């Protein structure tokens, strides 16, 4: 199938999410505590429970695009579910107010259907908003957390049309090179970014404006791990399930993507000497020859579970 046909099928799903978008045997991967779902359990265990917890539920995607990676066609989007949070969700107590749950999705397409999907949710963001996030030392708990991360400043994130293939190829190459420059002694990743860049991280990490403020998070994050490396590094342990661009927009995802041996304090957890694996995804927006905005998810509850910290087990009840 073509990227255009995949985008058209995905656009219909974005407007009205339905299990009809998936093949019956589609493999759907969702962040912890959902993990592996079928289309039927995705509809009941996730969407059904979300609709029960959030009255007047709506979905708003502010980035959506498509492309090819290693011979497969992929589509992706990110945005927010919004509604009146009036009943517990995964044990998270309701706020009784308007609330938001940030999501990000990747779907490998065949015959205008999704056959393999990865769905990220910023559950810590919802937990922080509800006063239920148990990790006091999270960088984003008291600073850098906005409760709602904005979409692209240019308001052109919904890329339903066609893009210049040469520009897309250049954008994907730029991000691949930048990722391979992370965790380098000379911080070789810096030239790929605008000085006024915006980094929209997972809520427990925080969000940062400006290259130096971002570096103030990123460098200590890398330093907390020995051998910190990601899905573009060909490290033999992690990989990207997809990495592609559509014009000035680029995405990557890995399940897992990052790995490293924890040698420093991380999210309030003392050094363990354990190798951790992190499910991570990103979307970037490019201007000229630099990156200006970056939206990031990390399945932090899954990372903490590897450190014997069950953030959902700390909640008084489950829904």
C-alpha atoms as a PDB file:
ATOM      1  CA  UNK A   1       0.000   0.000   0.000  1.00  0.00           C
ATOM      2  CA  UNK A   2       1.062   3.629  -0.366  1.00  0.00           C
ATOM      3  CA  UNK A   3       1.810   6.118   2.393  1.00  0.00           C
ATOM      4  CA  UNK A   4      -1.106   8.224   1.106  1.00  0.00           C
ATOM      5  CA  UNK A   5      -3.548   5.310   1.513  1.00  0.00           C
ATOM      6  CA  UNK A   6      -2.205   4.584   4.997  1.00  0.00           C
ATOM      7  CA  UNK A   7      -2.658   8.216   5.987  1.00  0.00           C
ATOM      8  CA  UNK A   8      -6.234   8.193   4.722  1.00  0.00           C
ATOM      9  CA  UNK A   9      -7.083   5.095   6.761  1.00  0.00           C
ATOM     10  CA  UNK A  10      -5.375   6.547   9.817  1.00  0.00           C
ATOM     11  CA  UNK A  11      -7.188   9.865   9.439  1.00  0.00           C
ATOM     12  CA  UNK A  12     -10.519   8.059   9.692  1.00  0.00           C
ATOM     13  CA  UNK A  13      -9.333   6.260  12.846  1.00  0.00           C
ATOM     14  CA  UNK A  14      -8.125   9.510  14.413  1.00  0.00           C
ATOM     15  CA  UNK A  15     -11.563  11.041  13.844  1.00  0.00           C
ATOM     16  CA  UNK A  16     -13.307   8.035  15.440  1.00  0.00           C
ATOM     17  CA  UNK A  17     -11.076   5.373  17.076  1.00  0.00           C
ATOM     18  CA  UNK A  18     -12.410   1.880  16.392  1.00  0.00           C
ATOM     19  CA  UNK A  19     -11.131  -1.699  16.466  1.00  0.00           C
ATOM     20  CA  UNK A  20     -12.049  -1.856  12.778  1.00  0.00           C
ATOM     21  CA  UNK A  21      -8.751  -0.031  12.161  1.00  0.00           C
ATOM     22  CA  UNK A  22      -6.796  -3.135  13.271  1.00  0.00           C
ATOM     23  CA  UNK A  23      -6.504  -6.586  11.742  1.00  0.00           C
ATOM     24  CA  UNK A  24      -8.063  -9.233  14.022  1.00  0.00           C
ATOM     25  CA  UNK A  25      -4.623 -10.575  14.982  1.00  0.00           C
ATOM     26  CA  UNK A  26      -2.897  -7.198  15.332  1.00  0.00           C
ATOM     27  CA  UNK A  27      -0.261  -7.003  18.071  1.00  0.00           C
ATOM     28  CA  UNK A  28      -0.987  -3.920  20.174  1.00  0.00           C
ATOM     29  CA  UNK A  29       1.684  -2.826  22.651  1.00  0.00           C
ATOM     30  CA  UNK A  30       0.607  -0.296  25.284  1.00  0.00           C
ATOM     31  CA  UNK A  31       2.621   1.146  28.160  1.00  0.00           C
ATOM     32  CA  UNK A  32       2.616  -0.500  31.583  1.00  0.00           C
ATOM     33  CA  UNK A  33       0.338  -1.650  33.181  1.00  0.00           C
ATOM     34  CA  UNK A  34      -1.426  -2.617  29.915  1.00  0.00           C
ATOM     35  CA  UNK A  35       1.589  -3.989  27.993  1.00  0.00           C
ATOM     36  CA  UNK A  36       0.322  -6.525  25.382  1.00  0.00           C
ATOM     37  CA  UNK A  37      -3.274  -6.224  24.144  1.00  0.00           C
ATOM     38  CA  UNK A  38      -5.425  -7.576  21.330  1.00  0.00           C
ATOM     39  CA  UNK A  39      -7.795  -5.300  19.406  1.00  0.00           C
ATOM     40  CA  UNK A  40     -10.664  -6.581  21.579  1.00  0.00           C
ATOM     41  CA  UNK A  41      -8.843  -5.999  24.875  1.00  0.00           C
ATOM     42  CA  UNK A  42      -7.588  -2.623  23.631  1.00  0.00           C
ATOM     43  CA  UNK A  43     -11.213  -1.617  23.122  1.00  0.00           C
ATOM     44  CA  UNK A  44     -12.326  -2.881  26.532  1.00  0.00           C
ATOM     45  CA  UNK A  45      -9.301  -2.645  28.842  1.00  0.00           C
ATOM     46  CA  UNK A  46      -8.109   0.726  27.585  1.00  0.00           C
ATOM     47  CA  UNK A  47     -10.698   2.670  25.584  1.00  0.00           C
ATOM     48  CA  UNK A  48     -13.651   1.308  27.555  1.00  0.00           C
ATOM     49  CA  UNK A  49     -12.091   2.077  30.922  1.00  0.00           C
ATOM     50  CA  UNK A  50     -10.996   5.500  29.718  1.00  0.00           C
ATOM     51  CA  UNK A  51     -14.533   6.345  28.611  1.00  0.00           C
ATOM     52  CA  UNK A  52     -15.841   5.186  31.989  1.00  0.00           C
ATOM     53  CA  UNK A  53     -13.378   7.361  33.893  1.00  0.00           C
ATOM     54  CA  UNK A  54     -13.631  10.453  31.663  1.00  0.00           C
ATOM     55  CA  UNK A  55     -17.080  11.832  30.938  1.00  0.00           C
ATOM     56  CA  UNK A  56     -17.472  13.789  27.680  1.00  0.00           C
ATOM     57  CA  UNK A  57     -14.248  12.226  26.398  1.00  0.00           C
ATOM     58  CA  UNK A  58     -12.671  13.814  23.327  1.00  0.00           C
ATOM     59  CA  UNK A  59      -9.474  13.146  21.418  1.00  0.00           C
ATOM     60  CA  UNK A  60      -7.279  15.833  19.866  1.00  0.00           C
ATOM     61  CA  UNK A  61      -4.279  14.907  17.714  1.00  0.00           C
ATOM     62  CA  UNK A  62      -1.929  17.817  17.012  1.00  0.00           C
ATOM     63  CA  UNK A  63       0.742  15.876  15.123  1.00  0.00           C
ATOM     64  CA  UNK A  64      -0.024  13.138  12.568  1.00  0.00           C
ATOM     65  CA  UNK A  65       1.965  11.889   9.604  1.00  0.00           C
ATOM     66  CA  UNK A  66       3.211   8.824   7.775  1.00  0.00           C
ATOM     67  CA  UNK A  67       6.235   7.323   6.097  1.00  0.00           C
ATOM     68  CA  UNK A  68       8.299   4.229   5.413  1.00  0.00           C
ATOM     69  CA  UNK A  69      10.901   2.415   7.504  1.00  0.00           C
ATOM     70  CA  UNK A  70      12.823  -0.661   6.385  1.00  0.00           C
ATOM     71  CA  UNK A  71      10.245  -1.462   3.721  1.00  0.00           C
ATOM     72  CA  UNK A  72       7.166  -1.069   5.931  1.00  0.00           C
ATOM     73  CA  UNK A  73       4.567   1.714   5.942  1.00  0.00           C
ATOM     74  CA  UNK A  74       3.936   3.460   9.262  1.00  0.00           C
ATOM     75  CA  UNK A  75       1.607   6.175  10.552  1.00  0.00           C
ATOM     76  CA  UNK A  76       1.937   8.074  13.794  1.00  0.00           C
ATOM     77  CA  UNK A  77       0.262  10.755  15.877  1.00  0.00           C
ATOM     78  CA  UNK A  78       0.316  12.393  19.274  1.00  0.00           C
ATOM     79  CA  UNK A  79      -2.048  14.597  21.246  1.00  0.00           C
ATOM     80  CA  UNK A  80      -4.437  14.398  24.196  1.00  0.00           C
ATOM     81  CA  UNK A  81      -7.534  12.653  25.420  1.00  0.00           C
ATOM     82  CA  UNK A  82      -9.565  15.200  27.384  1.00  0.00           C
ATOM     83  CA  UNK A  83     -12.639  14.914  29.541  1.00  0.00           C
ATOM     84  CA  UNK A  84     -14.189  15.340  32.973  1.00  0.00           C
ATOM     85  CA  UNK A  85     -12.171  12.994  35.188  1.00  0.00           C
ATOM     86  CA  UNK A  86     -14.951  11.714  37.460  1.00  0.00           C
ATOM     87  CA  UNK A  87     -14.100   8.042  38.200  1.00  0.00           C
ATOM     88  CA  UNK A  88     -10.822   6.223  39.034  1.00  0.00           C
ATOM     89  CA  UNK A  89      -8.599   5.123  36.172  1.00  0.00           C
ATOM     90  CA  UNK A  90      -6.022   2.394  36.931  1.00  0.00           C
ATOM     91  CA  UNK A  91      -6.430   3.363  40.574  1.00  0.00           C
ATOM     92  CA  UNK A  92      -5.597   7.016  39.868  1.00  0.00           C
ATOM     93  CA  UNK A  93      -8.114   9.045  41.890  1.00  0.00           C
ATOM     94  CA  UNK A  94     -10.399  11.324  39.857  1.00  0.00           C
ATOM     95  CA  UNK A  95      -9.825  15.061  40.045  1.00  0.00           C
ATOM     96  CA  UNK A  96     -13.476  15.931  39.513  1.00  0.00           C
ATOM     97  CA  UNK A  97     -12.320  18.453  36.935  1.00  0.00           C
ATOM     98  CA  UNK A  98     -11.305  18.764  33.306  1.00  0.00           C
ATOM     99  CA  UNK A  99      -8.224  16.556  32.861  1.00  0.00           C
ATOM    100  CA  UNK A 100      -5.905  15.454  30.073  1.00  0.00           C
ATOM    101  CA  UNK A 101      -4.126  12.214  29.181  1.00  0.00           C
ATOM    102  CA  UNK A 102      -1.334  12.616  26.631  1.00  0.00           C
ATOM    103  CA  UNK A 103      -0.980   9.806  24.096  1.00  0.00           C
ATOM    104  CA  UNK A 104       1.279   8.867  21.210  1.00  0.00           C
ATOM    105  CA  UNK A 105       0.658   6.141  18.638  1.00  0.00           C
ATOM    106  CA  UNK A 106       2.586   4.250  15.960  1.00  0.00           C
ATOM    107  CA  UNK A 107       0.947   1.769  13.587  1.00  0.00           C
ATOM    108  CA  UNK A 108       2.504  -0.475  10.964  1.00  0.00           C
ATOM    109  CA  UNK A 109       0.042  -0.694   8.103  1.00  0.00           C
ATOM    110  CA  UNK A 110      -0.860  -3.436   5.644  1.00  0.00           C
ATOM    111  CA  UNK A 111      -3.885  -3.242   3.361  1.00  0.00           C
ATOM    112  CA  UNK A 112      -5.137  -0.071   5.098  1.00  0.00           C
ATOM    113  CA  UNK A 113      -5.201  -1.896   8.460  1.00  0.00           C
ATOM    114  CA  UNK A 114      -2.855  -1.745  11.435  1.00  0.00           C
ATOM    115  CA  UNK A 115      -1.019  -5.025  12.010  1.00  0.00           C
ATOM    116  CA  UNK A 116       1.399  -3.872  14.729  1.00  0.00           C
ATOM    117  CA  UNK A 117       0.898  -0.940  17.077  1.00  0.00           C
ATOM    118  CA  UNK A 118       2.744   0.846  19.876  1.00  0.00           C
ATOM    119  CA  UNK A 119       0.737   3.185  22.087  1.00  0.00           C
ATOM    120  CA  UNK A 120       2.339   5.452  24.658  1.00  0.00           C
ATOM    121  CA  UNK A 121       0.476   7.211  27.482  1.00  0.00           C
ATOM    122  CA  UNK A 122       1.914   9.747  29.890  1.00  0.00           C
ATOM    123  CA  UNK A 123       0.251   8.182  32.918  1.00  0.00           C
ATOM    124  CA  UNK A 124       2.608   9.960  35.354  1.00  0.00           C
ATOM    125  CA  UNK A 125       1.309  13.273  33.963  1.00  0.00           C
ATOM    126  CA  UNK A 126      -2.232  12.296  34.943  1.00  0.00           C
ATOM    127  CA  UNK A 127      -0.999  11.015  38.307  1.00  0.00           C
ATOM    128  CA  UNK A 128       0.821  14.276  39.051  1.00  0.00           C
ATOM    129  CA  UNK A 129      -2.313  16.246  38.174  1.00  0.00           C
ATOM    130  CA  UNK A 130      -4.290  14.006  40.550  1.00  0.00           C
ATOM    131  CA  UNK A 131      -1.717  14.296  43.343  1.00  0.00           C
ATOM    132  CA  UNK A 132      -0.994  10.560  43.094  1.00  0.00           C
ATOM    133  CA  UNK A 133       2.567  10.399  41.740  1.00  0.00           C
ATOM    134  CA  UNK A 134       4.683   8.778  44.486  1.00  0.00           C
ATOM    135  CA  UNK A 135       8.199   9.744  43.337  1.00  0.00           C
ATOM    136  CA  UNK A 136       9.067  12.999  45.105  1.00  0.00           C
ATOM    137  CA  UNK A 137      12.437  13.342  43.369  1.00  0.00           C
ATOM    138  CA  UNK A 138      11.010  13.375  39.833  1.00  0.00           C
ATOM    139  CA  UNK A 139      12.456  16.453  38.062  1.00  0.00           C
ATOM    140  CA  UNK A 140       9.089  17.288  36.533  1.00  0.00           C
ATOM    141  CA  UNK A 141       6.985  16.914  39.658  1.00  0.00           C
ATOM    142  CA  UNK A 142       7.471  20.472  40.902  1.00  0.00           C
ATOM    143  CA  UNK A 143       9.158  22.179  37.971  1.00  0.00           C
ATOM    144  CA  UNK A 144       8.799  21.960  34.246  1.00  0.00           C
ATOM    145  CA  UNK A 145       5.345  20.398  34.501  1.00  0.00           C
ATOM    146  CA  UNK A 146       2.572  22.320  32.780  1.00  0.00           C
ATOM    147  CA  UNK A 147      -0.276  19.819  32.910  1.00  0.00           C
ATOM    148  CA  UNK A 148      -0.762  20.215  29.150  1.00  0.00           C
ATOM    149  CA  UNK A 149       2.020  20.268  26.591  1.00  0.00           C
ATOM    150  CA  UNK A 150       1.310  22.292  23.456  1.00  0.00           C
ATOM    151  CA  UNK A 151       1.410  21.154  19.871  1.00  0.00           C
ATOM    152  CA  UNK A 152       3.664  22.667  17.185  1.00  0.00           C
ATOM    153  CA  UNK A 153       4.086  26.423  17.317  1.00  0.00           C
ATOM    154  CA  UNK A 154       3.498  26.491  13.554  1.00  0.00           C
ATOM    155  CA  UNK A 155       0.148  24.670  13.954  1.00  0.00           C
ATOM    156  CA  UNK A 156       0.893  22.484  10.919  1.00  0.00           C
ATOM    157  CA  UNK A 157       1.443  19.143  12.632  1.00  0.00           C
ATOM    158  CA  UNK A 158      -1.372  17.318  10.825  1.00  0.00           C
ATOM    159  CA  UNK A 159       0.501  16.271   7.704  1.00  0.00           C
ATOM    160  CA  UNK A 160      -2.286  14.533   5.783  1.00  0.00           C
ATOM    161  CA  UNK A 161      -0.970  15.601   2.377  1.00  0.00           C
ATOM    162  CA  UNK A 162       2.212  14.696   0.527  1.00  0.00           C
ATOM    163  CA  UNK A 163       5.663  15.989   1.450  1.00  0.00           C
ATOM    164  CA  UNK A 164       8.830  16.489  -0.568  1.00  0.00           C
ATOM    165  CA  UNK A 165      10.579  13.075  -0.447  1.00  0.00           C
ATOM    166  CA  UNK A 166      14.025  14.692  -0.454  1.00  0.00           C
ATOM    167  CA  UNK A 167      13.105  16.867   2.532  1.00  0.00           C
ATOM    168  CA  UNK A 168      11.745  13.851   4.406  1.00  0.00           C
ATOM    169  CA  UNK A 169      14.904  11.862   3.735  1.00  0.00           C
ATOM    170  CA  UNK A 170      17.059  14.767   4.907  1.00  0.00           C
ATOM    171  CA  UNK A 171      14.991  15.175   8.089  1.00  0.00           C
ATOM    172  CA  UNK A 172      15.256  11.489   8.982  1.00  0.00           C
ATOM    173  CA  UNK A 173      19.026  11.565   8.400  1.00  0.00           C
ATOM    174  CA  UNK A 174      19.375  14.664  10.599  1.00  0.00           C
ATOM    175  CA  UNK A 175      17.634  13.018  13.554  1.00  0.00           C
ATOM    176  CA  UNK A 176      19.552   9.759  13.121  1.00  0.00           C
ATOM    177  CA  UNK A 177      22.843  11.650  13.211  1.00  0.00           C
ATOM    178  CA  UNK A 178      21.732  13.674  16.251  1.00  0.00           C
ATOM    179  CA  UNK A 179      20.709  10.552  18.169  1.00  0.00           C
ATOM    180  CA  UNK A 180      24.062   8.930  17.483  1.00  0.00           C
ATOM    181  CA  UNK A 181      25.738  12.042  18.934  1.00  0.00           C
ATOM    182  CA  UNK A 182      23.991  11.699  22.311  1.00  0.00           C
ATOM    183  CA  UNK A 183      26.009  10.557  25.335  1.00  0.00           C
ATOM    184  CA  UNK A 184      29.259  11.843  23.817  1.00  0.00           C
ATOM    185  CA  UNK A 185      31.931  13.548  25.963  1.00  0.00           C
ATOM    186  CA  UNK A 186      31.854  16.697  23.815  1.00  0.00           C
ATOM    187  CA  UNK A 187      28.022  16.820  23.662  1.00  0.00           C
ATOM    188  CA  UNK A 188      28.197  16.508  19.891  1.00  0.00           C
ATOM    189  CA  UNK A 189      24.393  16.640  19.674  1.00  0.00           C
ATOM    190  CA  UNK A 190      24.271  20.393  20.364  1.00  0.00           C
ATOM    191  CA  UNK A 191      24.735  21.710  16.761  1.00  0.00           C
ATOM    192  CA  UNK A 192      21.570  19.923  15.657  1.00  0.00           C
ATOM    193  CA  UNK A 193      19.386  22.112  17.916  1.00  0.00           C
ATOM    194  CA  UNK A 194      18.166  25.695  17.873  1.00  0.00           C
ATOM    195  CA  UNK A 195      19.249  27.710  20.908  1.00  0.00           C
ATOM    196  CA  UNK A 196      15.579  28.415  21.666  1.00  0.00           C
ATOM    197  CA  UNK A 197      14.498  24.795  21.298  1.00  0.00           C
ATOM    198  CA  UNK A 198      11.500  23.432  23.220  1.00  0.00           C
ATOM    199  CA  UNK A 199      11.687  19.971  24.786  1.00  0.00           C
ATOM    200  CA  UNK A 200       8.376  18.488  25.884  1.00  0.00           C
ATOM    201  CA  UNK A 201       9.364  15.525  28.004  1.00  0.00           C
ATOM    202  CA  UNK A 202       7.392  12.981  29.987  1.00  0.00           C
ATOM    203  CA  UNK A 203       5.848  14.659  33.019  1.00  0.00           C
ATOM    204  CA  UNK A 204       8.139  12.946  35.537  1.00  0.00           C
ATOM    205  CA  UNK A 205      11.143  14.366  33.649  1.00  0.00           C
ATOM    206  CA  UNK A 206       9.740  17.817  32.928  1.00  0.00           C
ATOM    207  CA  UNK A 207       9.712  20.193  29.975  1.00  0.00           C
ATOM    208  CA  UNK A 208      12.441  22.667  29.090  1.00  0.00           C
ATOM    209  CA  UNK A 209      12.825  25.809  26.976  1.00  0.00           C
ATOM    210  CA  UNK A 210      16.269  26.653  25.630  1.00  0.00           C
ATOM    211  CA  UNK A 211      19.254  24.488  24.815  1.00  0.00           C
ATOM    212  CA  UNK A 212      21.079  25.088  28.091  1.00  0.00           C
ATOM    213  CA  UNK A 213      18.048  24.251  30.222  1.00  0.00           C
ATOM    214  CA  UNK A 214      17.550  21.042  28.262  1.00  0.00           C
ATOM    215  CA  UNK A 215      21.245  20.175  28.675  1.00  0.00           C
ATOM    216  CA  UNK A 216      20.793  20.681  32.419  1.00  0.00           C
ATOM    217  CA  UNK A 217      18.469  17.699  32.357  1.00  0.00           C
ATOM    218  CA  UNK A 218      19.932  15.557  29.557  1.00  0.00           C
ATOM    219  CA  UNK A 219      23.556  15.464  30.683  1.00  0.00           C
ATOM    220  CA  UNK A 220      22.797  14.326  34.278  1.00  0.00           C
ATOM    221  CA  UNK A 221      20.273  11.827  32.873  1.00  0.00           C
ATOM    222  CA  UNK A 222      22.978  10.257  30.717  1.00  0.00           C
ATOM    223  CA  UNK A 223      25.469  10.402  33.601  1.00  0.00           C
ATOM    224  CA  UNK A 224      23.175   8.316  35.853  1.00  0.00           C
ATOM    225  CA  UNK A 225      23.863   5.313  33.597  1.00  0.00           C
ATOM    226  CA  UNK A 226      26.954   3.526  32.443  1.00  0.00           C
ATOM    227  CA  UNK A 227      26.773   2.854  28.711  1.00  0.00           C
ATOM    228  CA  UNK A 228      23.648   4.986  28.147  1.00  0.00           C
ATOM    229  CA  UNK A 229      22.635   4.391  24.529  1.00  0.00           C
ATOM    230  CA  UNK A 230      19.550   4.402  22.356  1.00  0.00           C
ATOM    231  CA  UNK A 231      17.809   2.741  19.465  1.00  0.00           C
ATOM    232  CA  UNK A 232      19.900   4.393  16.739  1.00  0.00           C
ATOM    233  CA  UNK A 233      23.195   3.354  18.314  1.00  0.00           C
ATOM    234  CA  UNK A 234      23.373  -0.227  16.972  1.00  0.00           C
ATOM    235  CA  UNK A 235      24.180  -1.430  20.484  1.00  0.00           C
ATOM    236  CA  UNK A 236      22.831  -4.955  19.937  1.00  0.00           C
ATOM    237  CA  UNK A 237      20.359  -4.639  22.826  1.00  0.00           C
ATOM    238  CA  UNK A 238      17.799  -2.046  21.766  1.00  0.00           C
ATOM    239  CA  UNK A 239      16.450  -0.820  18.442  1.00  0.00           C
ATOM    240  CA  UNK A 240      13.852   1.423  16.887  1.00  0.00           C
ATOM    241  CA  UNK A 241      10.756  -0.339  15.637  1.00  0.00           C
ATOM    242  CA  UNK A 242      10.357   2.667  13.363  1.00  0.00           C
ATOM    243  CA  UNK A 243      12.174   5.867  12.400  1.00  0.00           C
ATOM    244  CA  UNK A 244      10.919   8.052   9.572  1.00  0.00           C
ATOM    245  CA  UNK A 245      10.112  11.596   8.512  1.00  0.00           C
ATOM    246  CA  UNK A 246       7.342  13.419   6.668  1.00  0.00           C
ATOM    247  CA  UNK A 247       8.680  16.770   5.527  1.00  0.00           C
ATOM    248  CA  UNK A 248       9.840  18.702   8.595  1.00  0.00           C
ATOM    249  CA  UNK A 249       8.392  16.184  11.067  1.00  0.00           C
ATOM    250  CA  UNK A 250      10.329  13.159  12.286  1.00  0.00           C
ATOM    251  CA  UNK A 251       9.570  10.332  14.688  1.00  0.00           C
ATOM    252  CA  UNK A 252      11.229   7.350  16.322  1.00  0.00           C
ATOM    253  CA  UNK A 253      10.059   4.650  18.689  1.00  0.00           C
ATOM    254  CA  UNK A 254      11.701   1.740  20.479  1.00  0.00           C
ATOM    255  CA  UNK A 255      10.237  -1.041  22.630  1.00  0.00           C
ATOM    256  CA  UNK A 256      12.749  -0.770  24.260  1.00  0.00           C
ATOM    257  CA  UNK A 257      14.897   2.014  22.870  1.00  0.00           C
ATOM    258  CA  UNK A 258      17.215   3.214  25.658  1.00  0.00           C
ATOM    259  CA  UNK A 259      19.411   1.061  27.871  1.00  0.00           C
ATOM    260  CA  UNK A 260      22.130   1.552  30.448  1.00  0.00           C
ATOM    261  CA  UNK A 261      23.399   0.280  33.770  1.00  0.00           C
ATOM    262  CA  UNK A 262      22.107   2.447  36.600  1.00  0.00           C
ATOM    263  CA  UNK A 263      25.144   3.812  38.438  1.00  0.00           C
ATOM    264  CA  UNK A 264      23.604   7.039  39.763  1.00  0.00           C
ATOM    265  CA  UNK A 265      20.423   8.131  41.479  1.00  0.00           C
ATOM    266  CA  UNK A 266      17.456   8.077  39.095  1.00  0.00           C
ATOM    267  CA  UNK A 267      13.903   9.237  39.867  1.00  0.00           C
ATOM    268  CA  UNK A 268      14.505   8.906  43.575  1.00  0.00           C
ATOM    269  CA  UNK A 269      15.923   5.391  43.281  1.00  0.00           C
ATOM    270  CA  UNK A 270      19.412   4.663  44.611  1.00  0.00           C
ATOM    271  CA  UNK A 271      22.014   3.158  42.244  1.00  0.00           C
ATOM    272  CA  UNK A 272      21.367  -0.535  41.694  1.00  0.00           C
ATOM    273  CA  UNK A 273      23.934  -1.634  39.147  1.00  0.00           C
ATOM    274  CA  UNK A 274      21.045  -3.057  37.122  1.00  0.00           C
ATOM    275  CA  UNK A 275      20.757  -2.739  33.371  1.00  0.00           C
ATOM    276  CA  UNK A 276      17.504  -0.956  32.638  1.00  0.00           C
ATOM    277  CA  UNK A 277      15.533  -0.906  29.389  1.00  0.00           C
ATOM    278  CA  UNK A 278      13.301   2.023  28.475  1.00  0.00           C
ATOM    279  CA  UNK A 279      10.408   2.173  26.050  1.00  0.00           C
ATOM    280  CA  UNK A 280      10.777   5.577  24.413  1.00  0.00           C
ATOM    281  CA  UNK A 281       9.327   7.530  21.498  1.00  0.00           C
ATOM    282  CA  UNK A 282       9.872  11.000  20.050  1.00  0.00           C
ATOM    283  CA  UNK A 283       8.484  13.429  17.518  1.00  0.00           C
ATOM    284  CA  UNK A 284      10.569  16.379  16.295  1.00  0.00           C
ATOM    285  CA  UNK A 285       9.862  19.465  14.231  1.00  0.00           C
ATOM    286  CA  UNK A 286      12.602  20.936  12.122  1.00  0.00           C
ATOM    287  CA  UNK A 287      13.123  24.530  10.946  1.00  0.00           C
ATOM    288  CA  UNK A 288      15.838  25.114   8.389  1.00  0.00           C
ATOM    289  CA  UNK A 289      18.725  22.877   9.357  1.00  0.00           C
ATOM    290  CA  UNK A 290      18.048  22.595  13.099  1.00  0.00           C
ATOM    291  CA  UNK A 291      15.514  20.941  15.390  1.00  0.00           C
ATOM    292  CA  UNK A 292      13.233  23.324  17.254  1.00  0.00           C
ATOM    293  CA  UNK A 293      10.613  21.203  19.051  1.00  0.00           C
ATOM    294  CA  UNK A 294      10.649  17.691  20.507  1.00  0.00           C
ATOM    295  CA  UNK A 295       7.801  15.721  22.085  1.00  0.00           C
ATOM    296  CA  UNK A 296       8.945  12.727  24.153  1.00  0.00           C
ATOM    297  CA  UNK A 297       7.392   9.764  25.962  1.00  0.00           C
ATOM    298  CA  UNK A 298       9.146   7.310  28.264  1.00  0.00           C
ATOM    299  CA  UNK A 299       7.243   4.427  29.845  1.00  0.00           C
ATOM    300  CA  UNK A 300       8.473   5.468  33.284  1.00  0.00           C
ATOM    301  CA  UNK A 301       6.221   3.109  35.298  1.00  0.00           C
ATOM    302  CA  UNK A 302       7.789   0.213  33.339  1.00  0.00           C
ATOM    303  CA  UNK A 303      11.302   1.505  34.094  1.00  0.00           C
ATOM    304  CA  UNK A 304      10.520   1.850  37.800  1.00  0.00           C
ATOM    305  CA  UNK A 305       9.042  -1.652  37.848  1.00  0.00           C
ATOM    306  CA  UNK A 306      12.483  -2.928  36.855  1.00  0.00           C
ATOM    307  CA  UNK A 307      13.707  -1.251  40.053  1.00  0.00           C
ATOM    308  CA  UNK A 308      11.022  -3.027  42.111  1.00  0.00           C
ATOM    309  CA  UNK A 309       8.959   0.160  42.394  1.00  0.00           C
ATOM    310  CA  UNK A 310       5.323  -0.399  41.352  1.00  0.00           C
ATOM    311  CA  UNK A 311       3.759   3.070  41.142  1.00  0.00           C
ATOM    312  CA  UNK A 312       0.305   1.569  40.598  1.00  0.00           C
ATOM    313  CA  UNK A 313       0.746  -0.727  43.574  1.00  0.00           C
ATOM    314  CA  UNK A 314       1.180   2.383  45.719  1.00  0.00           C
ATOM    315  CA  UNK A 315      -2.357   3.490  44.867  1.00  0.00           C
ATOM    316  CA  UNK A 316      -5.102   2.617  47.362  1.00  0.00           C
ATOM    317  CA  UNK A 317      -7.368   0.929  44.827  1.00  0.00           C
ATOM    318  CA  UNK A 318      -7.559  -0.033  41.179  1.00  0.00           C
ATOM    319  CA  UNK A 319     -10.235   0.571  38.571  1.00  0.00           C
END
